[in-house]
PDB file of N, CA and C in Angstrom:
ATOM      1  N   MET A   1      73.298 152.450  56.779  1.00  0.00           N
ATOM      2  CA  MET A   1      72.572 153.622  57.232  1.00  0.00           C
ATOM      3  C   MET A   1      73.374 154.490  58.289  1.00  0.00           C
ATOM      4  N   LYS A   2      73.639 155.758  58.084  1.00  0.00           N
ATOM      5  CA  LYS A   2      74.318 156.585  58.995  1.00  0.00           C
ATOM      6  C   LYS A   2      73.523 156.898  60.259  1.00  0.00           C
ATOM      7  N   SER A   3      74.274 157.002  61.338  1.00  0.00           N
ATOM      8  CA  SER A   3      73.681 157.475  62.682  1.00  0.00           C
ATOM      9  C   SER A   3      73.465 158.921  62.526  1.00  0.00           C
ATOM     10  N   LEU A   4      72.674 159.422  63.376  1.00  0.00           N
ATOM     11  CA  LEU A   4      72.390 160.976  63.413  1.00  0.00           C
ATOM     12  C   LEU A   4      73.699 161.668  63.653  1.00  0.00           C
ATOM     13  N   ILE A   5      74.592 161.119  64.456  1.00  0.00           N
ATOM     14  CA  ILE A   5      75.861 161.853  64.713  1.00  0.00           C
ATOM     15  C   ILE A   5      76.749 161.805  63.600  1.00  0.00           C
ATOM     16  N   GLU A   6      76.788 160.650  62.739  1.00  0.00           N
ATOM     17  CA  GLU A   6      77.572 160.716  61.593  1.00  0.00           C
ATOM     18  C   GLU A   6      76.980 161.600  60.522  1.00  0.00           C
ATOM     19  N   GLU A   7      75.670 161.677  60.380  1.00  0.00           N
ATOM     20  CA  GLU A   7      75.070 162.629  59.459  1.00  0.00           C
ATOM     21  C   GLU A   7      75.453 164.126  59.841  1.00  0.00           C
ATOM     22  N   MET A   8      75.375 164.410  61.129  1.00  0.00           N
ATOM     23  CA  MET A   8      75.713 165.780  61.582  1.00  0.00           C
ATOM     24  C   MET A   8      77.282 165.996  61.325  1.00  0.00           C
ATOM     25  N   ALA A   9      78.096 165.041  61.514  1.00  0.00           N
ATOM     26  CA  ALA A   9      79.632 165.240  61.347  1.00  0.00           C
ATOM     27  C   ALA A   9      79.749 165.438  59.752  1.00  0.00           C
ATOM     28  N   THR A  10      79.120 164.743  58.986  1.00  0.00           N
ATOM     29  CA  THR A  10      79.260 164.843  57.464  1.00  0.00           C
ATOM     30  C   THR A  10      78.824 166.271  57.085  1.00  0.00           C
ATOM     31  N   PHE A  11      77.638 166.740  57.599  1.00  0.00           N
ATOM     32  CA  PHE A  11      77.204 168.068  57.362  1.00  0.00           C
ATOM     33  C   PHE A  11      78.185 169.141  57.795  1.00  0.00           C
ATOM     34  N   VAL A  12      78.704 168.993  59.046  1.00  0.00           N
ATOM     35  CA  VAL A  12      79.718 170.016  59.440  1.00  0.00           C
ATOM     36  C   VAL A  12      80.947 169.941  58.705  1.00  0.00           C
ATOM     37  N   GLU A  13      81.398 168.793  58.351  1.00  0.00           N
ATOM     38  CA  GLU A  13      82.650 168.648  57.614  1.00  0.00           C
ATOM     39  C   GLU A  13      82.536 169.200  56.223  1.00  0.00           C
ATOM     40  N   SER A  14      81.359 169.217  55.606  1.00  0.00           N
ATOM     41  CA  SER A  14      81.225 169.650  54.293  1.00  0.00           C
ATOM     42  C   SER A  14      80.744 171.159  54.262  1.00  0.00           C
ATOM     43  N   THR A  15      80.623 171.799  55.298  1.00  0.00           N
ATOM     44  CA  THR A  15      80.236 173.172  55.446  1.00  0.00           C
ATOM     45  C   THR A  15      81.436 174.054  55.525  1.00  0.00           C
ATOM     46  N   SER A  16      81.508 175.014  54.708  1.00  0.00           N
ATOM     47  CA  SER A  16      82.664 175.972  54.714  1.00  0.00           C
ATOM     48  C   SER A  16      82.160 177.248  55.345  1.00  0.00           C
ATOM     49  N   PHE A  17      83.184 178.163  55.663  1.00  0.00           N
ATOM     50  CA  PHE A  17      82.818 179.416  56.117  1.00  0.00           C
ATOM     51  C   PHE A  17      82.023 180.250  55.253  1.00  0.00           C
ATOM     52  N   ASP A  18      82.239 180.178  53.841  1.00  0.00           N
ATOM     53  CA  ASP A  18      81.531 180.768  52.902  1.00  0.00           C
ATOM     54  C   ASP A  18      80.030 180.312  52.861  1.00  0.00           C
ATOM     55  N   ASP A  19      79.687 179.163  53.398  1.00  0.00           N
ATOM     56  CA  ASP A  19      78.267 178.764  53.417  1.00  0.00           C
ATOM     57  C   ASP A  19      77.501 179.457  54.500  1.00  0.00           C
ATOM     58  N   LEU A  20      78.135 180.097  55.388  1.00  0.00           N
ATOM     59  CA  LEU A  20      77.480 180.725  56.556  1.00  0.00           C
ATOM     60  C   LEU A  20      76.834 182.117  56.203  1.00  0.00           C
ATOM     61  N   THR A  21      75.730 182.414  56.782  1.00  0.00           N
ATOM     62  CA  THR A  21      75.101 183.743  56.435  1.00  0.00           C
ATOM     63  C   THR A  21      75.697 184.743  57.373  1.00  0.00           C
ATOM     64  N   ALA A  22      75.650 186.057  56.961  1.00  0.00           N
ATOM     65  CA  ALA A  22      76.209 187.088  57.753  1.00  0.00           C
ATOM     66  C   ALA A  22      75.522 187.075  59.227  1.00  0.00           C
ATOM     67  N   ASN A  23      74.260 186.710  59.351  1.00  0.00           N
ATOM     68  CA  ASN A  23      73.545 186.725  60.578  1.00  0.00           C
ATOM     69  C   ASN A  23      74.175 185.591  61.472  1.00  0.00           C
ATOM     70  N   SER A  24      74.412 184.367  60.794  1.00  0.00           N
ATOM     71  CA  SER A  24      75.068 183.298  61.633  1.00  0.00           C
ATOM     72  C   SER A  24      76.412 183.694  62.032  1.00  0.00           C
ATOM     73  N   ILE A  25      77.224 184.378  61.311  1.00  0.00           N
ATOM     74  CA  ILE A  25      78.528 184.794  61.733  1.00  0.00           C
ATOM     75  C   ILE A  25      78.440 185.835  62.834  1.00  0.00           C
ATOM     76  N   SER A  26      77.485 186.802  62.676  1.00  0.00           N
ATOM     77  CA  SER A  26      77.316 187.729  63.767  1.00  0.00           C
ATOM     78  C   SER A  26      76.854 187.175  65.072  1.00  0.00           C
ATOM     79  N   LYS A  27      76.040 186.137  65.039  1.00  0.00           N
ATOM     80  CA  LYS A  27      75.500 185.549  66.208  1.00  0.00           C
ATOM     81  C   LYS A  27      76.670 184.635  66.884  1.00  0.00           C
ATOM     82  N   ALA A  28      77.395 184.070  66.091  1.00  0.00           N
ATOM     83  CA  ALA A  28      78.644 183.256  66.596  1.00  0.00           C
ATOM     84  C   ALA A  28      79.530 184.257  67.335  1.00  0.00           C
ATOM     85  N   GLU A  29      79.886 185.408  66.677  1.00  0.00           N
ATOM     86  CA  GLU A  29      80.759 186.281  67.352  1.00  0.00           C
ATOM     87  C   GLU A  29      80.238 186.758  68.691  1.00  0.00           C
ATOM     88  N   GLU A  30      78.892 186.990  68.756  1.00  0.00           N
ATOM     89  CA  GLU A  30      78.176 187.500  69.931  1.00  0.00           C
ATOM     90  C   GLU A  30      78.321 186.432  71.096  1.00  0.00           C
ATOM     91  N   VAL A  31      78.095 185.223  70.818  1.00  0.00           N
ATOM     92  CA  VAL A  31      78.089 184.168  71.821  1.00  0.00           C
ATOM     93  C   VAL A  31      79.650 183.848  72.243  1.00  0.00           C
ATOM     94  N   ILE A  32      80.496 183.946  71.306  1.00  0.00           N
ATOM     95  CA  ILE A  32      81.821 183.673  71.686  1.00  0.00           C
ATOM     96  C   ILE A  32      82.373 184.804  72.578  1.00  0.00           C
ATOM     97  N   PHE A  33      82.098 185.972  72.195  1.00  0.00           N
ATOM     98  CA  PHE A  33      82.500 187.108  73.185  1.00  0.00           C
ATOM     99  C   PHE A  33      81.807 187.115  74.502  1.00  0.00           C
ATOM    100  N   ASP A  34      80.593 186.696  74.528  1.00  0.00           N
ATOM    101  CA  ASP A  34      79.899 186.480  75.793  1.00  0.00           C
ATOM    102  C   ASP A  34      80.540 185.420  76.587  1.00  0.00           C
ATOM    103  N   LEU A  35      80.841 184.335  75.953  1.00  0.00           N
ATOM    104  CA  LEU A  35      81.504 183.157  76.699  1.00  0.00           C
ATOM    105  C   LEU A  35      82.852 183.571  77.297  1.00  0.00           C
ATOM    106  N   ILE A  36      83.660 184.262  76.471  1.00  0.00           N
ATOM    107  CA  ILE A  36      84.964 184.734  77.005  1.00  0.00           C
ATOM    108  C   ILE A  36      84.716 185.763  78.194  1.00  0.00           C
ATOM    109  N   GLY A  37      83.790 186.729  78.031  1.00  0.00           N
ATOM    110  CA  GLY A  37      83.496 187.574  79.093  1.00  0.00           C
ATOM    111  C   GLY A  37      83.096 186.824  80.433  1.00  0.00           C
ATOM    112  N   VAL A  38      82.227 185.808  80.297  1.00  0.00           N
ATOM    113  CA  VAL A  38      81.850 185.104  81.517  1.00  0.00           C
ATOM    114  C   VAL A  38      83.065 184.440  82.138  1.00  0.00           C
ATOM    115  N   GLY A  39      83.880 183.828  81.255  1.00  0.00           N
ATOM    116  CA  GLY A  39      85.157 183.127  81.757  1.00  0.00           C
ATOM    117  C   GLY A  39      85.987 184.054  82.553  1.00  0.00           C
ATOM    118  N   ALA A  40      86.248 185.197  81.941  1.00  0.00           N
ATOM    119  CA  ALA A  40      87.102 186.217  82.617  1.00  0.00           C
ATOM    120  C   ALA A  40      86.564 186.692  83.865  1.00  0.00           C
ATOM    121  N   TYR A  41      85.212 186.890  83.956  1.00  0.00           N
ATOM    122  CA  TYR A  41      84.476 187.354  85.121  1.00  0.00           C
ATOM    123  C   TYR A  41      84.672 186.201  86.169  1.00  0.00           C
ATOM    124  N   VAL A  42      84.373 184.995  85.934  1.00  0.00           N
ATOM    125  CA  VAL A  42      84.481 183.868  86.918  1.00  0.00           C
ATOM    126  C   VAL A  42      85.851 183.815  87.398  1.00  0.00           C
ATOM    127  N   LYS A  43      86.862 183.908  86.464  1.00  0.00           N
ATOM    128  CA  LYS A  43      88.262 183.789  86.946  1.00  0.00           C
ATOM    129  C   LYS A  43      88.736 184.847  87.885  1.00  0.00           C
ATOM    130  N   THR A  44      88.202 186.065  87.694  1.00  0.00           N
ATOM    131  CA  THR A  44      88.763 187.209  88.509  1.00  0.00           C
ATOM    132  C   THR A  44      87.835 187.604  89.583  1.00  0.00           C
ATOM    133  N   HIS A  45      86.585 187.201  89.647  1.00  0.00           N
ATOM    134  CA  HIS A  45      85.637 187.706  90.746  1.00  0.00           C
ATOM    135  C   HIS A  45      84.927 186.526  91.506  1.00  0.00           C
ATOM    136  N   THR A  46      85.243 185.372  91.442  1.00  0.00           N
ATOM    137  CA  THR A  46      84.635 184.264  92.168  1.00  0.00           C
ATOM    138  C   THR A  46      85.732 183.367  92.925  1.00  0.00           C
ATOM    139  N   PRO A  47      85.393 182.885  94.098  1.00  0.00           N
ATOM    140  CA  PRO A  47      86.327 182.044  94.682  1.00  0.00           C
ATOM    141  C   PRO A  47      86.559 180.704  93.933  1.00  0.00           C
ATOM    142  N   TRP A  48      85.562 180.226  93.134  1.00  0.00           N
ATOM    143  CA  TRP A  48      85.866 178.987  92.484  1.00  0.00           C
ATOM    144  C   TRP A  48      86.666 179.236  91.209  1.00  0.00           C
ATOM    145  N   GLY A  49      86.624 180.486  90.724  1.00  0.00           N
ATOM    146  CA  GLY A  49      87.369 180.744  89.570  1.00  0.00           C
ATOM    147  C   GLY A  49      88.843 180.723  89.946  1.00  0.00           C
ATOM    148  N   SER A  50      89.143 181.204  91.147  1.00  0.00           N
ATOM    149  CA  SER A  50      90.565 181.155  91.547  1.00  0.00           C
ATOM    150  C   SER A  50      91.011 179.732  91.797  1.00  0.00           C
ATOM    151  N   ILE A  51      90.128 178.864  92.311  1.00  0.00           N
ATOM    152  CA  ILE A  51      90.463 177.395  92.513  1.00  0.00           C
ATOM    153  C   ILE A  51      90.639 176.679  91.172  1.00  0.00           C
ATOM    154  N   ILE A  52      89.835 177.044  90.166  1.00  0.00           N
ATOM    155  CA  ILE A  52      89.842 176.496  88.868  1.00  0.00           C
ATOM    156  C   ILE A  52      91.218 176.908  88.217  1.00  0.00           C
ATOM    157  N   SER A  53      91.532 178.197  88.417  1.00  0.00           N
ATOM    158  CA  SER A  53      92.768 178.762  87.755  1.00  0.00           C
ATOM    159  C   SER A  53      93.998 178.140  88.381  1.00  0.00           C
ATOM    160  N   ASN A  54      94.017 177.837  89.660  1.00  0.00           N
ATOM    161  CA  ASN A  54      95.141 177.225  90.398  1.00  0.00           C
ATOM    162  C   ASN A  54      95.266 175.824  89.765  1.00  0.00           C
ATOM    163  N   TYR A  55      94.211 175.153  89.730  1.00  0.00           N
ATOM    164  CA  TYR A  55      94.159 173.722  89.116  1.00  0.00           C
ATOM    165  C   TYR A  55      94.710 173.675  87.815  1.00  0.00           C
ATOM    166  N   TYR A  56      94.273 174.653  87.003  1.00  0.00           N
ATOM    167  CA  TYR A  56      94.752 174.671  85.566  1.00  0.00           C
ATOM    168  C   TYR A  56      96.250 174.921  85.695  1.00  0.00           C
ATOM    169  N   ASP A  57      96.795 175.815  86.455  1.00  0.00           N
ATOM    170  CA  ASP A  57      98.219 176.125  86.444  1.00  0.00           C
ATOM    171  C   ASP A  57      98.965 174.886  86.859  1.00  0.00           C
ATOM    172  N   LYS A  58      98.440 174.106  87.758  1.00  0.00           N
ATOM    173  CA  LYS A  58      99.142 172.848  88.166  1.00  0.00           C
ATOM    174  C   LYS A  58      99.070 171.692  87.205  1.00  0.00           C
ATOM    175  N   PHE A  59      97.930 171.490  86.565  1.00  0.00           N
ATOM    176  CA  PHE A  59      97.563 170.304  85.748  1.00  0.00           C
ATOM    177  C   PHE A  59      97.225 170.571  84.317  1.00  0.00           C
ATOM    178  N   GLY A  60      97.324 171.938  83.961  1.00  0.00           N
ATOM    179  CA  GLY A  60      96.760 172.273  82.556  1.00  0.00           C
ATOM    180  C   GLY A  60      97.488 171.658  81.377  1.00  0.00           C
ATOM    181  N   SER A  61      98.575 170.983  81.559  1.00  0.00           N
ATOM    182  CA  SER A  61      99.316 170.357  80.329  1.00  0.00           C
ATOM    183  C   SER A  61      98.461 169.151  79.896  1.00  0.00           C
ATOM    184  N   VAL A  62      97.543 168.693  80.711  1.00  0.00           N
ATOM    185  CA  VAL A  62      96.760 167.527  80.311  1.00  0.00           C
ATOM    186  C   VAL A  62      95.591 168.038  79.518  1.00  0.00           C
ATOM    187  N   PRO A  63      95.425 167.508  78.283  1.00  0.00           N
ATOM    188  CA  PRO A  63      94.202 168.145  77.404  1.00  0.00           C
ATOM    189  C   PRO A  63      92.832 167.938  78.109  1.00  0.00           C
ATOM    190  N   SER A  64      92.631 166.882  78.795  1.00  0.00           N
ATOM    191  CA  SER A  64      91.333 166.814  79.483  1.00  0.00           C
ATOM    192  C   SER A  64      91.143 167.783  80.561  1.00  0.00           C
ATOM    193  N   VAL A  65      92.135 168.075  81.251  1.00  0.00           N
ATOM    194  CA  VAL A  65      92.180 169.182  82.317  1.00  0.00           C
ATOM    195  C   VAL A  65      91.875 170.513  81.769  1.00  0.00           C
ATOM    196  N   LYS A  66      92.479 170.748  80.574  1.00  0.00           N
ATOM    197  CA  LYS A  66      92.252 171.993  79.987  1.00  0.00           C
ATOM    198  C   LYS A  66      90.775 172.128  79.542  1.00  0.00           C
ATOM    199  N   ALA A  67      90.219 171.115  79.058  1.00  0.00           N
ATOM    200  CA  ALA A  67      88.803 171.191  78.664  1.00  0.00           C
ATOM    201  C   ALA A  67      87.898 171.266  79.972  1.00  0.00           C
ATOM    202  N   LEU A  68      88.325 170.612  80.951  1.00  0.00           N
ATOM    203  CA  LEU A  68      87.498 170.752  82.216  1.00  0.00           C
ATOM    204  C   LEU A  68      87.578 172.143  82.796  1.00  0.00           C
ATOM    205  N   CYS A  69      88.714 172.685  82.933  1.00  0.00           N
ATOM    206  CA  CYS A  69      88.892 174.043  83.476  1.00  0.00           C
ATOM    207  C   CYS A  69      88.171 175.122  82.545  1.00  0.00           C
ATOM    208  N   ASN A  70      88.406 174.991  81.265  1.00  0.00           N
ATOM    209  CA  ASN A  70      87.776 175.964  80.358  1.00  0.00           C
ATOM    210  C   ASN A  70      86.177 175.873  80.427  1.00  0.00           C
ATOM    211  N   GLY A  71      85.681 174.683  80.498  1.00  0.00           N
ATOM    212  CA  GLY A  71      84.152 174.547  80.698  1.00  0.00           C
ATOM    213  C   GLY A  71      83.723 175.065  81.954  1.00  0.00           C
ATOM    214  N   ALA A  72      84.374 174.827  83.028  1.00  0.00           N
ATOM    215  CA  ALA A  72      84.007 175.289  84.328  1.00  0.00           C
ATOM    216  C   ALA A  72      84.089 176.786  84.459  1.00  0.00           C
ATOM    217  N   LEU A  73      85.120 177.395  83.827  1.00  0.00           N
ATOM    218  CA  LEU A  73      85.268 178.853  83.833  1.00  0.00           C
ATOM    219  C   LEU A  73      84.152 179.464  82.998  1.00  0.00           C
ATOM    220  N   PHE A  74      83.958 179.035  81.850  1.00  0.00           N
ATOM    221  CA  PHE A  74      83.023 179.554  80.797  1.00  0.00           C
ATOM    222  C   PHE A  74      81.571 179.408  81.248  1.00  0.00           C
ATOM    223  N   LEU A  75      81.316 178.420  82.053  1.00  0.00           N
ATOM    224  CA  LEU A  75      79.956 178.158  82.477  1.00  0.00           C
ATOM    225  C   LEU A  75      79.822 178.168  83.987  1.00  0.00           C
ATOM    226  N   GLY A  76      80.732 178.815  84.626  1.00  0.00           N
ATOM    227  CA  GLY A  76      80.809 178.904  86.026  1.00  0.00           C
ATOM    228  C   GLY A  76      79.988 179.992  86.682  1.00  0.00           C
ATOM    229  N   TYR A  77      79.129 180.639  85.848  1.00  0.00           N
ATOM    230  CA  TYR A  77      78.308 181.707  86.456  1.00  0.00           C
ATOM    231  C   TYR A  77      77.144 181.838  85.566  1.00  0.00           C
ATOM    232  N   GLU A  78      75.952 182.098  86.019  1.00  0.00           N
ATOM    233  CA  GLU A  78      74.837 182.260  85.109  1.00  0.00           C
ATOM    234  C   GLU A  78      74.726 183.564  84.607  1.00  0.00           C
ATOM    235  N   LEU A  79      75.573 183.983  83.758  1.00  0.00           N
ATOM    236  CA  LEU A  79      75.629 185.228  82.976  1.00  0.00           C
ATOM    237  C   LEU A  79      75.447 185.010  81.565  1.00  0.00           C
ATOM    238  N   GLU A  80      75.577 183.848  81.039  1.00  0.00           N
ATOM    239  CA  GLU A  80      75.420 183.579  79.603  1.00  0.00           C
ATOM    240  C   GLU A  80      73.994 183.713  79.216  1.00  0.00           C
ATOM    241  N   ASP A  81      73.807 184.095  77.879  1.00  0.00           N
ATOM    242  CA  ASP A  81      72.512 184.245  77.373  1.00  0.00           C
ATOM    243  C   ASP A  81      71.895 182.848  77.106  1.00  0.00           C
ATOM    244  N   THR A  82      70.513 182.850  77.095  1.00  0.00           N
ATOM    245  CA  THR A  82      69.832 181.661  76.696  1.00  0.00           C
ATOM    246  C   THR A  82      69.129 181.835  75.335  1.00  0.00           C
ATOM    247  N   LEU A  83      69.439 180.799  74.397  1.00  0.00           N
ATOM    248  CA  LEU A  83      68.891 180.794  73.124  1.00  0.00           C
ATOM    249  C   LEU A  83      67.654 179.972  73.285  1.00  0.00           C
ATOM    250  N   THR A  84      66.466 180.651  73.388  1.00  0.00           N
ATOM    251  CA  THR A  84      65.229 180.071  73.630  1.00  0.00           C
ATOM    252  C   THR A  84      64.809 179.068  72.555  1.00  0.00           C
ATOM    253  N   GLU A  85      65.250 179.444  71.264  1.00  0.00           N
ATOM    254  CA  GLU A  85      64.910 178.581  70.109  1.00  0.00           C
ATOM    255  C   GLU A  85      65.404 177.189  70.333  1.00  0.00           C
ATOM    256  N   SER A  86      66.579 177.108  71.006  1.00  0.00           N
ATOM    257  CA  SER A  86      67.156 175.798  71.110  1.00  0.00           C
ATOM    258  C   SER A  86      67.242 175.185  72.576  1.00  0.00           C
ATOM    259  N   TYR A  87      66.759 175.931  73.473  1.00  0.00           N
ATOM    260  CA  TYR A  87      66.719 175.647  74.928  1.00  0.00           C
ATOM    261  C   TYR A  87      68.145 175.409  75.367  1.00  0.00           C
ATOM    262  N   LEU A  88      69.185 176.117  74.813  1.00  0.00           N
ATOM    263  CA  LEU A  88      70.550 175.973  75.298  1.00  0.00           C
ATOM    264  C   LEU A  88      70.908 177.310  75.840  1.00  0.00           C
ATOM    265  N   HIS A  89      72.001 177.359  76.621  1.00  0.00           N
ATOM    266  CA  HIS A  89      72.733 178.598  76.962  1.00  0.00           C
ATOM    267  C   HIS A  89      73.753 178.871  75.969  1.00  0.00           C
TER     268      HIS A  89
END
């Protein structure tokens, strides 16, 4: 019996871009652009964005540091939209 995460991984692995609806693609574009905008704002307009950028410049060759810095920049300010259907930002 597969675990839930294994079932989800199988579903994602078997899904192609052609399986996505136009609405799904549009929403994905919207949230990706929103995420990038928040990251750019945090980097250029907040003191912690500058700290994160300096940390990235110094240690960014380490993959886990890249992930940490990107996550901190992208979610470093409460500007992202909330998807109430899933209770996620």
